[in-house]
Amino acid sequence: MLVFYRKADTYKPCTPNYVIMKKSLVMLFGLFCVTLTIAQNNVKIDGRLKPHLDNFFEYCKEYNIEYYDKLFKLKNIDIVDTLTTSQQASTLGMLTRDKNNKVENIVINWVALLDQEILKVVAFHEFAHYFLEYEKHICDDCGQIMAVVNSSYFDIVKDWENQVKTLFLDSPIYKKRKTLAFINQYNKQNHLTN
């Protein structure tokens, strides 16, 4: 069936199939855009690290640390077999960067899987580098999560709540946020008194 609509003395053919096809194309394009956006915000997380990441994010909420946007700037949070493993020294985890020096992956050596307590400490250490903005380690071997090396991961785990509290309260992002809050409060008070 062909229908003609009159508009300013011109006739334009319009079939119901044409209208349906046009709507379908618009919906298909919209679906494509949504899929593309979701695909860009997709980070692959190794299931063995997910419980530790979820636990870390619970602490982020407790200490009011934003993490969501940073999470989706990553490509992977993964267990790998490509990090150095030797009798002298092993790299248990690291952040990898792209050519612009932006962090794109958090990787943990498979060796950390040998013990869940070691995995937890290494995971929190690497998560803290990225989400809490620890650019450097705090010491060589001092029994803290952010040490370069830890002689005893088990001592850290025995004191876990205190270790995590120190990790968050001493973090660069927490200190920065606290400083900004102080400055904002100071400015607000001075504007009220002037």
N, C-alpha and C. Protein backbone atom coordinates (compact mmCIF):
# COMPACT_ATOMS: atom_id res chain seq x y z
N MET A 1 0.85 -1.17 0.00
CA MET A 1 0.00 0.00 0.00
C MET A 1 0.89 1.23 0.00
N LEU A 2 0.64 2.17 -0.85
CA LEU A 2 1.40 3.40 -1.00
C LEU A 2 0.52 4.56 -0.59
N VAL A 3 1.03 5.38 0.34
CA VAL A 3 0.27 6.50 0.85
C VAL A 3 0.98 7.79 0.45
N PHE A 4 0.23 8.80 0.02
CA PHE A 4 0.80 10.10 -0.34
C PHE A 4 0.33 11.13 0.66
N TYR A 5 1.26 11.96 1.11
CA TYR A 5 0.93 13.07 1.99
C TYR A 5 1.07 14.35 1.20
N ARG A 6 0.12 15.23 1.36
CA ARG A 6 0.17 16.49 0.64
C ARG A 6 0.86 17.51 1.52
N LYS A 7 1.88 18.14 0.99
CA LYS A 7 2.60 19.18 1.71
C LYS A 7 3.01 20.22 0.69
N ALA A 8 2.44 21.40 0.76
CA ALA A 8 2.75 22.52 -0.12
C ALA A 8 2.72 22.11 -1.59
N ASP A 9 1.66 21.48 -1.98
CA ASP A 9 1.45 21.06 -3.37
C ASP A 9 2.48 20.07 -3.89
N THR A 10 3.16 19.35 -2.98
CA THR A 10 4.05 18.29 -3.44
C THR A 10 3.57 17.00 -2.82
N TYR A 11 3.84 15.94 -3.50
CA TYR A 11 3.46 14.63 -3.01
C TYR A 11 4.72 13.85 -2.68
N LYS A 12 4.71 13.25 -1.52
CA LYS A 12 5.86 12.46 -1.09
C LYS A 12 5.37 11.06 -0.74
N PRO A 13 5.93 10.07 -1.41
CA PRO A 13 5.49 8.72 -1.07
C PRO A 13 6.01 8.31 0.31
N CYS A 14 5.18 7.65 1.07
CA CYS A 14 5.57 7.22 2.41
C CYS A 14 4.89 5.87 2.69
N THR A 15 5.68 4.86 2.80
CA THR A 15 5.13 3.54 3.10
C THR A 15 5.38 3.23 4.56
N PRO A 16 4.56 2.45 5.15
CA PRO A 16 4.78 2.05 6.55
C PRO A 16 6.14 1.36 6.73
N ASN A 17 6.61 0.57 5.76
CA ASN A 17 7.91 -0.09 5.86
C ASN A 17 9.05 0.92 5.91
N TYR A 18 8.94 2.00 5.15
CA TYR A 18 9.96 3.05 5.13
C TYR A 18 10.09 3.68 6.52
N VAL A 19 8.97 3.96 7.15
CA VAL A 19 8.97 4.57 8.49
C VAL A 19 9.57 3.59 9.51
N ILE A 20 9.20 2.34 9.42
CA ILE A 20 9.72 1.32 10.35
C ILE A 20 11.23 1.17 10.15
N MET A 21 11.66 1.14 8.89
CA MET A 21 13.09 0.99 8.62
C MET A 21 13.88 2.18 9.16
N LYS A 22 13.32 3.38 8.99
CA LYS A 22 14.00 4.58 9.48
C LYS A 22 14.14 4.53 11.01
N LYS A 23 13.06 4.15 11.70
CA LYS A 23 13.10 4.04 13.15
C LYS A 23 14.09 2.96 13.58
N SER A 24 14.12 1.86 12.85
CA SER A 24 15.05 0.77 13.17
C SER A 24 16.50 1.21 13.04
N LEU A 25 16.78 1.97 11.99
CA LEU A 25 18.15 2.47 11.80
C LEU A 25 18.56 3.43 12.92
N VAL A 26 17.64 4.28 13.33
CA VAL A 26 17.93 5.21 14.43
C VAL A 26 18.17 4.44 15.72
N MET A 27 17.35 3.43 15.98
CA MET A 27 17.53 2.62 17.19
C MET A 27 18.82 1.82 17.13
N LEU A 28 19.15 1.28 15.96
CA LEU A 28 20.38 0.53 15.79
C LEU A 28 21.60 1.41 16.03
N PHE A 29 21.56 2.63 15.50
CA PHE A 29 22.65 3.58 15.71
C PHE A 29 22.78 3.92 17.20
N GLY A 30 21.65 4.12 17.88
CA GLY A 30 21.68 4.40 19.32
C GLY A 30 22.27 3.24 20.11
N LEU A 31 21.88 2.03 19.75
CA LEU A 31 22.42 0.84 20.41
C LEU A 31 23.92 0.73 20.18
N PHE A 32 24.37 1.03 18.97
CA PHE A 32 25.80 1.02 18.65
C PHE A 32 26.56 2.01 19.54
N CYS A 33 26.02 3.22 19.68
CA CYS A 33 26.68 4.25 20.50
C CYS A 33 26.76 3.82 21.97
N VAL A 34 25.68 3.24 22.49
CA VAL A 34 25.67 2.78 23.88
C VAL A 34 26.67 1.65 24.05
N THR A 35 26.71 0.71 23.12
CA THR A 35 27.65 -0.41 23.19
C THR A 35 29.09 0.08 23.14
N LEU A 36 29.36 1.04 22.29
CA LEU A 36 30.70 1.60 22.17
C LEU A 36 31.11 2.28 23.48
N THR A 37 30.20 3.01 24.09
CA THR A 37 30.49 3.68 25.36
C THR A 37 30.76 2.66 26.45
N ILE A 38 29.96 1.62 26.53
CA ILE A 38 30.16 0.58 27.54
C ILE A 38 31.48 -0.13 27.30
N ALA A 39 31.81 -0.41 26.05
CA ALA A 39 33.05 -1.09 25.73
C ALA A 39 34.26 -0.27 26.15
N GLN A 40 34.15 1.06 26.04
CA GLN A 40 35.26 1.92 26.45
C GLN A 40 35.41 1.93 27.96
N ASN A 41 34.35 1.66 28.69
CA ASN A 41 34.38 1.66 30.15
C ASN A 41 34.45 0.25 30.69
N ASN A 42 35.17 -0.62 30.02
CA ASN A 42 35.25 -2.01 30.43
C ASN A 42 36.67 -2.34 30.87
N VAL A 43 36.80 -2.78 32.09
CA VAL A 43 38.10 -3.22 32.60
C VAL A 43 38.00 -4.71 32.91
N LYS A 44 38.98 -5.47 32.45
CA LYS A 44 38.99 -6.91 32.69
C LYS A 44 39.65 -7.16 34.04
N ILE A 45 38.94 -7.85 34.92
CA ILE A 45 39.43 -8.12 36.27
C ILE A 45 39.50 -9.63 36.47
N ASP A 46 40.69 -10.12 36.79
CA ASP A 46 40.88 -11.54 37.08
C ASP A 46 40.04 -11.89 38.31
N GLY A 47 39.24 -12.94 38.19
CA GLY A 47 38.34 -13.34 39.27
C GLY A 47 39.04 -13.64 40.58
N ARG A 48 40.30 -14.03 40.52
CA ARG A 48 41.05 -14.34 41.75
C ARG A 48 41.42 -13.07 42.50
N LEU A 49 41.40 -11.93 41.81
CA LEU A 49 41.71 -10.65 42.46
C LEU A 49 40.45 -9.87 42.84
N LYS A 50 39.32 -10.26 42.29
CA LYS A 50 38.07 -9.51 42.51
C LYS A 50 37.69 -9.38 43.98
N PRO A 51 37.78 -10.44 44.80
CA PRO A 51 37.43 -10.26 46.22
C PRO A 51 38.33 -9.24 46.92
N HIS A 52 39.61 -9.22 46.58
CA HIS A 52 40.53 -8.26 47.19
C HIS A 52 40.23 -6.84 46.71
N LEU A 53 39.89 -6.71 45.44
CA LEU A 53 39.54 -5.40 44.90
C LEU A 53 38.25 -4.88 45.54
N ASP A 54 37.27 -5.74 45.67
CA ASP A 54 36.02 -5.35 46.32
C ASP A 54 36.27 -4.92 47.77
N ASN A 55 37.11 -5.67 48.47
CA ASN A 55 37.47 -5.34 49.84
C ASN A 55 38.18 -3.99 49.90
N PHE A 56 39.11 -3.77 48.96
CA PHE A 56 39.83 -2.50 48.88
C PHE A 56 38.84 -1.35 48.66
N PHE A 57 37.87 -1.55 47.79
CA PHE A 57 36.88 -0.49 47.50
C PHE A 57 35.99 -0.22 48.71
N GLU A 58 35.74 -1.22 49.54
CA GLU A 58 34.98 -0.98 50.77
C GLU A 58 35.75 -0.03 51.69
N TYR A 59 37.06 -0.23 51.76
CA TYR A 59 37.88 0.70 52.54
C TYR A 59 37.89 2.08 51.89
N CYS A 60 37.93 2.14 50.57
CA CYS A 60 37.87 3.43 49.87
C CYS A 60 36.60 4.19 50.26
N LYS A 61 35.49 3.48 50.33
CA LYS A 61 34.22 4.11 50.74
C LYS A 61 34.32 4.61 52.18
N GLU A 62 34.90 3.78 53.04
CA GLU A 62 35.04 4.14 54.45
C GLU A 62 35.87 5.41 54.63
N TYR A 63 36.93 5.55 53.82
CA TYR A 63 37.81 6.71 53.92
C TYR A 63 37.47 7.80 52.90
N ASN A 64 36.32 7.64 52.25
CA ASN A 64 35.82 8.63 51.31
C ASN A 64 36.80 8.92 50.16
N ILE A 65 37.34 7.85 49.59
CA ILE A 65 38.28 7.95 48.47
C ILE A 65 37.53 7.57 47.19
N GLU A 66 37.53 8.47 46.22
CA GLU A 66 36.89 8.19 44.92
C GLU A 66 37.73 7.18 44.15
N TYR A 67 37.08 6.18 43.57
CA TYR A 67 37.81 5.16 42.82
C TYR A 67 37.15 4.80 41.49
N TYR A 68 35.89 5.09 41.33
CA TYR A 68 35.13 4.61 40.19
C TYR A 68 35.71 5.07 38.85
N ASP A 69 35.94 6.36 38.70
CA ASP A 69 36.47 6.88 37.42
C ASP A 69 37.84 6.30 37.11
N LYS A 70 38.67 6.19 38.14
CA LYS A 70 40.01 5.63 37.93
C LYS A 70 39.94 4.18 37.49
N LEU A 71 39.02 3.43 38.07
CA LEU A 71 38.89 2.02 37.73
C LEU A 71 38.68 1.84 36.23
N PHE A 72 37.82 2.66 35.65
CA PHE A 72 37.48 2.47 34.25
C PHE A 72 38.46 3.13 33.28
N LYS A 73 39.55 3.65 33.81
CA LYS A 73 40.65 4.10 32.95
C LYS A 73 41.64 2.96 32.72
N LEU A 74 41.47 1.87 33.48
CA LEU A 74 42.35 0.71 33.36
C LEU A 74 41.86 -0.23 32.27
N LYS A 75 42.78 -1.02 31.72
CA LYS A 75 42.42 -2.09 30.79
C LYS A 75 42.26 -3.40 31.54
N ASN A 76 43.22 -3.71 32.43
CA ASN A 76 43.24 -5.00 33.11
C ASN A 76 43.71 -4.89 34.55
N ILE A 77 43.16 -5.74 35.38
CA ILE A 77 43.69 -6.04 36.70
C ILE A 77 43.84 -7.55 36.68
N ASP A 78 45.09 -8.02 36.62
CA ASP A 78 45.30 -9.39 36.20
C ASP A 78 46.43 -10.09 36.94
N ILE A 79 46.36 -11.41 36.98
CA ILE A 79 47.45 -12.28 37.42
C ILE A 79 48.23 -12.64 36.16
N VAL A 80 49.56 -12.47 36.20
CA VAL A 80 50.38 -12.73 35.01
C VAL A 80 51.55 -13.65 35.34
N ASP A 81 52.13 -14.21 34.31
CA ASP A 81 53.32 -15.04 34.48
C ASP A 81 54.53 -14.40 33.79
N THR A 82 54.46 -13.10 33.56
CA THR A 82 55.53 -12.40 32.82
C THR A 82 56.45 -11.57 33.71
N LEU A 83 56.15 -11.47 35.00
CA LEU A 83 57.01 -10.70 35.90
C LEU A 83 58.19 -11.54 36.36
N THR A 84 59.28 -10.88 36.70
CA THR A 84 60.52 -11.55 37.09
C THR A 84 60.31 -12.43 38.33
N THR A 85 60.78 -13.65 38.21
CA THR A 85 60.76 -14.59 39.33
C THR A 85 62.13 -15.27 39.37
N SER A 86 62.86 -15.05 40.49
CA SER A 86 64.16 -15.69 40.63
C SER A 86 64.46 -15.94 42.10
N GLN A 87 65.56 -16.64 42.38
CA GLN A 87 65.95 -16.91 43.77
C GLN A 87 66.42 -15.64 44.47
N GLN A 88 67.02 -14.71 43.71
CA GLN A 88 67.53 -13.48 44.31
C GLN A 88 66.40 -12.49 44.63
N ALA A 89 65.50 -12.30 43.68
CA ALA A 89 64.41 -11.34 43.88
C ALA A 89 63.31 -11.60 42.87
N SER A 90 62.11 -11.33 43.27
CA SER A 90 60.96 -11.49 42.37
C SER A 90 60.11 -10.23 42.40
N THR A 91 59.55 -9.90 41.28
CA THR A 91 58.60 -8.79 41.21
C THR A 91 57.22 -9.39 41.40
N LEU A 92 56.57 -9.06 42.52
CA LEU A 92 55.29 -9.67 42.83
C LEU A 92 54.11 -8.89 42.24
N GLY A 93 54.35 -7.66 41.86
CA GLY A 93 53.28 -6.87 41.26
C GLY A 93 53.81 -5.57 40.71
N MET A 94 53.05 -4.98 39.81
CA MET A 94 53.45 -3.69 39.26
C MET A 94 52.31 -3.06 38.47
N LEU A 95 52.45 -1.77 38.22
CA LEU A 95 51.56 -1.05 37.32
C LEU A 95 52.26 -0.96 35.98
N THR A 96 51.56 -1.24 34.90
CA THR A 96 52.14 -1.06 33.58
C THR A 96 51.52 0.19 32.96
N ARG A 97 52.30 0.85 32.12
CA ARG A 97 51.88 2.14 31.56
C ARG A 97 51.89 2.10 30.04
N ASP A 98 51.13 3.01 29.44
CA ASP A 98 51.13 3.13 27.98
C ASP A 98 52.24 4.07 27.55
N LYS A 99 52.32 4.36 26.26
CA LYS A 99 53.40 5.21 25.75
C LYS A 99 53.33 6.64 26.28
N ASN A 100 52.17 7.06 26.79
CA ASN A 100 52.01 8.40 27.38
C ASN A 100 52.21 8.39 28.89
N ASN A 101 52.70 7.27 29.42
CA ASN A 101 52.98 7.08 30.84
C ASN A 101 51.71 7.05 31.71
N LYS A 102 50.58 6.74 31.12
CA LYS A 102 49.34 6.57 31.87
C LYS A 102 49.20 5.10 32.27
N VAL A 103 48.82 4.86 33.50
CA VAL A 103 48.66 3.49 33.98
C VAL A 103 47.52 2.84 33.21
N GLU A 104 47.78 1.63 32.68
CA GLU A 104 46.71 0.92 31.99
C GLU A 104 46.44 -0.46 32.58
N ASN A 105 47.37 -1.00 33.36
CA ASN A 105 47.17 -2.33 33.94
C ASN A 105 47.74 -2.40 35.35
N ILE A 106 47.07 -3.15 36.20
CA ILE A 106 47.62 -3.55 37.49
C ILE A 106 47.84 -5.05 37.36
N VAL A 107 49.11 -5.49 37.49
CA VAL A 107 49.41 -6.91 37.32
C VAL A 107 50.08 -7.47 38.57
N ILE A 108 49.72 -8.70 38.88
CA ILE A 108 50.25 -9.42 40.04
C ILE A 108 50.88 -10.71 39.53
N ASN A 109 52.07 -11.01 40.04
CA ASN A 109 52.78 -12.23 39.67
C ASN A 109 52.01 -13.45 40.18
N TRP A 110 51.96 -14.50 39.36
CA TRP A 110 51.26 -15.73 39.73
C TRP A 110 51.82 -16.34 41.00
N VAL A 111 53.08 -16.05 41.33
CA VAL A 111 53.71 -16.59 42.53
C VAL A 111 52.94 -16.17 43.79
N ALA A 112 52.34 -14.99 43.76
CA ALA A 112 51.57 -14.51 44.92
C ALA A 112 50.35 -15.39 45.19
N LEU A 113 49.94 -16.16 44.21
CA LEU A 113 48.79 -17.06 44.39
C LEU A 113 49.10 -18.23 45.33
N LEU A 114 50.38 -18.47 45.60
CA LEU A 114 50.75 -19.60 46.43
C LEU A 114 50.23 -19.47 47.87
N ASP A 115 49.95 -18.25 48.29
CA ASP A 115 49.39 -18.03 49.62
C ASP A 115 48.42 -16.86 49.56
N GLN A 116 47.21 -17.06 50.05
CA GLN A 116 46.18 -16.02 49.98
C GLN A 116 46.53 -14.78 50.80
N GLU A 117 47.27 -14.94 51.88
CA GLU A 117 47.66 -13.78 52.69
C GLU A 117 48.68 -12.92 51.94
N ILE A 118 49.62 -13.57 51.27
CA ILE A 118 50.59 -12.82 50.46
C ILE A 118 49.86 -12.12 49.31
N LEU A 119 48.94 -12.82 48.68
CA LEU A 119 48.17 -12.23 47.58
C LEU A 119 47.42 -10.99 48.05
N LYS A 120 46.83 -11.06 49.23
CA LYS A 120 46.08 -9.90 49.76
C LYS A 120 46.99 -8.70 49.96
N VAL A 121 48.16 -8.91 50.55
CA VAL A 121 49.09 -7.80 50.80
C VAL A 121 49.61 -7.23 49.47
N VAL A 122 49.99 -8.10 48.54
CA VAL A 122 50.51 -7.64 47.25
C VAL A 122 49.41 -6.89 46.49
N ALA A 123 48.20 -7.43 46.50
CA ALA A 123 47.09 -6.77 45.80
C ALA A 123 46.83 -5.38 46.39
N PHE A 124 46.74 -5.28 47.71
CA PHE A 124 46.50 -3.97 48.33
C PHE A 124 47.66 -3.01 48.03
N HIS A 125 48.88 -3.51 48.01
CA HIS A 125 50.05 -2.70 47.69
C HIS A 125 49.90 -2.10 46.30
N GLU A 126 49.58 -2.94 45.31
CA GLU A 126 49.45 -2.44 43.93
C GLU A 126 48.22 -1.55 43.77
N PHE A 127 47.11 -1.91 44.40
CA PHE A 127 45.92 -1.06 44.33
C PHE A 127 46.22 0.32 44.93
N ALA A 128 47.01 0.34 46.01
CA ALA A 128 47.34 1.61 46.66
C ALA A 128 48.22 2.48 45.76
N HIS A 129 49.14 1.86 45.03
CA HIS A 129 49.94 2.65 44.09
C HIS A 129 49.03 3.42 43.14
N TYR A 130 48.00 2.77 42.64
CA TYR A 130 47.15 3.40 41.64
C TYR A 130 46.03 4.24 42.26
N PHE A 131 45.20 3.64 43.08
CA PHE A 131 44.00 4.32 43.57
C PHE A 131 44.31 5.33 44.68
N LEU A 132 45.35 5.09 45.48
CA LEU A 132 45.70 6.02 46.57
C LEU A 132 46.87 6.93 46.20
N GLU A 133 47.36 6.76 44.98
CA GLU A 133 48.40 7.62 44.39
C GLU A 133 49.75 7.55 45.10
N TYR A 134 50.09 6.38 45.59
CA TYR A 134 51.44 6.19 46.12
C TYR A 134 52.39 6.05 44.93
N GLU A 135 53.15 7.08 44.66
CA GLU A 135 54.12 7.02 43.56
C GLU A 135 55.40 6.31 43.98
N LYS A 136 55.70 6.37 45.27
CA LYS A 136 56.92 5.76 45.79
C LYS A 136 56.57 4.84 46.96
N HIS A 137 57.51 3.98 47.29
CA HIS A 137 57.38 3.14 48.47
C HIS A 137 57.76 3.97 49.69
N ILE A 138 57.28 3.57 50.86
CA ILE A 138 57.55 4.36 52.06
C ILE A 138 58.84 3.96 52.76
N CYS A 139 59.36 2.75 52.45
CA CYS A 139 60.59 2.26 53.09
C CYS A 139 61.06 1.02 52.35
N ASP A 140 62.24 0.53 52.70
CA ASP A 140 62.75 -0.67 52.05
C ASP A 140 62.10 -1.94 52.60
N ASP A 141 62.21 -2.13 53.92
CA ASP A 141 61.63 -3.32 54.54
C ASP A 141 61.25 -2.95 55.97
N CYS A 142 60.03 -2.42 56.13
CA CYS A 142 59.64 -1.91 57.44
C CYS A 142 58.35 -2.53 57.97
N GLY A 143 57.90 -3.61 57.34
CA GLY A 143 56.70 -4.27 57.84
C GLY A 143 55.42 -3.51 57.56
N GLN A 144 55.41 -2.71 56.51
CA GLN A 144 54.21 -1.95 56.11
C GLN A 144 53.79 -2.40 54.70
N ILE A 145 52.53 -2.25 54.39
CA ILE A 145 52.03 -2.66 53.08
C ILE A 145 52.79 -1.99 51.94
N MET A 146 53.16 -0.73 52.10
CA MET A 146 53.80 0.02 51.01
C MET A 146 55.33 -0.04 51.03
N ALA A 147 55.90 -1.02 51.72
CA ALA A 147 57.36 -1.21 51.70
C ALA A 147 57.78 -1.81 50.36
N VAL A 148 59.02 -1.59 49.97
CA VAL A 148 59.56 -2.19 48.74
C VAL A 148 59.52 -3.71 48.85
N VAL A 149 59.99 -4.21 49.98
CA VAL A 149 60.07 -5.65 50.26
C VAL A 149 59.50 -5.88 51.65
N ASN A 150 58.90 -7.01 51.85
CA ASN A 150 58.43 -7.37 53.18
C ASN A 150 58.98 -8.73 53.56
N SER A 151 59.74 -8.74 54.66
CA SER A 151 60.31 -10.00 55.14
C SER A 151 59.21 -10.94 55.63
N SER A 152 58.14 -10.35 56.19
CA SER A 152 57.05 -11.19 56.68
C SER A 152 55.70 -10.59 56.33
N TYR A 153 55.10 -11.15 55.30
CA TYR A 153 53.74 -10.74 54.94
C TYR A 153 52.77 -11.14 56.03
N PHE A 154 53.10 -12.19 56.76
CA PHE A 154 52.20 -12.71 57.78
C PHE A 154 52.10 -11.77 58.98
N ASP A 155 53.19 -11.04 59.31
CA ASP A 155 53.12 -10.03 60.37
C ASP A 155 52.19 -8.90 59.96
N ILE A 156 52.21 -8.54 58.69
CA ILE A 156 51.32 -7.49 58.19
C ILE A 156 49.87 -7.95 58.32
N VAL A 157 49.61 -9.18 57.95
CA VAL A 157 48.24 -9.70 58.00
C VAL A 157 47.74 -9.80 59.43
N LYS A 158 48.62 -10.15 60.37
CA LYS A 158 48.22 -10.23 61.79
C LYS A 158 47.75 -8.87 62.30
N ASP A 159 48.30 -7.80 61.74
CA ASP A 159 47.97 -6.44 62.16
C ASP A 159 47.17 -5.73 61.04
N TRP A 160 46.30 -6.48 60.35
CA TRP A 160 45.69 -6.02 59.11
C TRP A 160 44.91 -4.70 59.25
N GLU A 161 44.02 -4.60 60.20
CA GLU A 161 43.19 -3.38 60.31
C GLU A 161 44.05 -2.14 60.54
N ASN A 162 45.06 -2.25 61.39
CA ASN A 162 45.96 -1.12 61.63
C ASN A 162 46.77 -0.81 60.36
N GLN A 163 47.22 -1.85 59.67
CA GLN A 163 47.98 -1.67 58.43
C GLN A 163 47.14 -0.92 57.39
N VAL A 164 45.89 -1.32 57.24
CA VAL A 164 45.02 -0.67 56.25
C VAL A 164 44.72 0.77 56.66
N LYS A 165 44.50 0.99 57.93
CA LYS A 165 44.25 2.35 58.42
C LYS A 165 45.44 3.24 58.09
N THR A 166 46.64 2.77 58.36
CA THR A 166 47.86 3.53 58.05
C THR A 166 47.99 3.74 56.55
N LEU A 167 47.72 2.69 55.78
CA LEU A 167 47.79 2.78 54.32
C LEU A 167 46.91 3.91 53.79
N PHE A 168 45.69 4.00 54.26
CA PHE A 168 44.76 5.01 53.78
C PHE A 168 45.03 6.40 54.36
N LEU A 169 45.26 6.48 55.67
CA LEU A 169 45.46 7.80 56.29
C LEU A 169 46.76 8.46 55.85
N ASP A 170 47.77 7.68 55.53
CA ASP A 170 49.05 8.23 55.07
C ASP A 170 49.15 8.34 53.56
N SER A 171 48.09 7.99 52.86
CA SER A 171 48.14 8.01 51.40
C SER A 171 48.16 9.43 50.85
N PRO A 172 48.85 9.62 49.74
CA PRO A 172 48.89 10.96 49.12
C PRO A 172 47.51 11.51 48.77
N ILE A 173 46.62 10.67 48.30
CA ILE A 173 45.29 11.17 47.91
C ILE A 173 44.48 11.59 49.13
N TYR A 174 44.61 10.86 50.25
CA TYR A 174 43.88 11.22 51.46
C TYR A 174 44.43 12.53 52.03
N LYS A 175 45.75 12.66 52.05
CA LYS A 175 46.37 13.89 52.56
C LYS A 175 46.00 15.09 51.69
N LYS A 176 45.98 14.88 50.37
CA LYS A 176 45.62 15.95 49.44
C LYS A 176 44.18 16.39 49.68
N ARG A 177 43.29 15.41 49.82
CA ARG A 177 41.88 15.73 50.05
C ARG A 177 41.69 16.46 51.38
N LYS A 178 42.43 16.02 52.40
CA LYS A 178 42.34 16.64 53.72
C LYS A 178 42.85 18.08 53.67
N THR A 179 43.95 18.30 52.93
CA THR A 179 44.50 19.65 52.77
C THR A 179 43.52 20.55 52.05
N LEU A 180 42.89 20.04 50.98
CA LEU A 180 41.91 20.83 50.24
C LEU A 180 40.71 21.17 51.11
N ALA A 181 40.28 20.22 51.91
CA ALA A 181 39.15 20.47 52.81
C ALA A 181 39.51 21.56 53.82
N PHE A 182 40.74 21.54 54.33
CA PHE A 182 41.19 22.56 55.27
C PHE A 182 41.23 23.93 54.61
N ILE A 183 41.78 23.98 53.40
CA ILE A 183 41.86 25.25 52.67
C ILE A 183 40.47 25.79 52.38
N ASN A 184 39.57 24.92 51.93
CA ASN A 184 38.19 25.36 51.65
C ASN A 184 37.52 25.89 52.91
N GLN A 185 37.72 25.20 54.04
CA GLN A 185 37.14 25.65 55.31
C GLN A 185 37.74 27.00 55.71
N TYR A 186 39.05 27.14 55.54
CA TYR A 186 39.72 28.40 55.86
C TYR A 186 39.19 29.53 55.00
N ASN A 187 39.06 29.29 53.71
CA ASN A 187 38.52 30.32 52.81
C ASN A 187 37.10 30.68 53.14
N LYS A 188 36.30 29.67 53.49
CA LYS A 188 34.91 29.93 53.85
C LYS A 188 34.83 30.81 55.11
N GLN A 189 35.67 30.52 56.10
CA GLN A 189 35.67 31.31 57.34
C GLN A 189 36.12 32.73 57.07
N ASN A 190 37.13 32.92 56.24
CA ASN A 190 37.61 34.26 55.95
C ASN A 190 36.61 35.07 55.15
N HIS A 191 35.86 34.47 54.30
CA HIS A 191 34.84 35.19 53.54
C HIS A 191 33.69 35.59 54.46
N LEU A 192 33.41 34.80 55.47
CA LEU A 192 32.35 35.13 56.41
C LEU A 192 32.76 36.28 57.32
N THR A 193 34.05 36.38 57.67
CA THR A 193 34.48 37.43 58.60
C THR A 193 34.81 38.75 57.88
N ASN A 194 35.05 38.72 56.60
CA ASN A 194 35.39 39.96 55.87
C ASN A 194 34.19 40.78 55.51
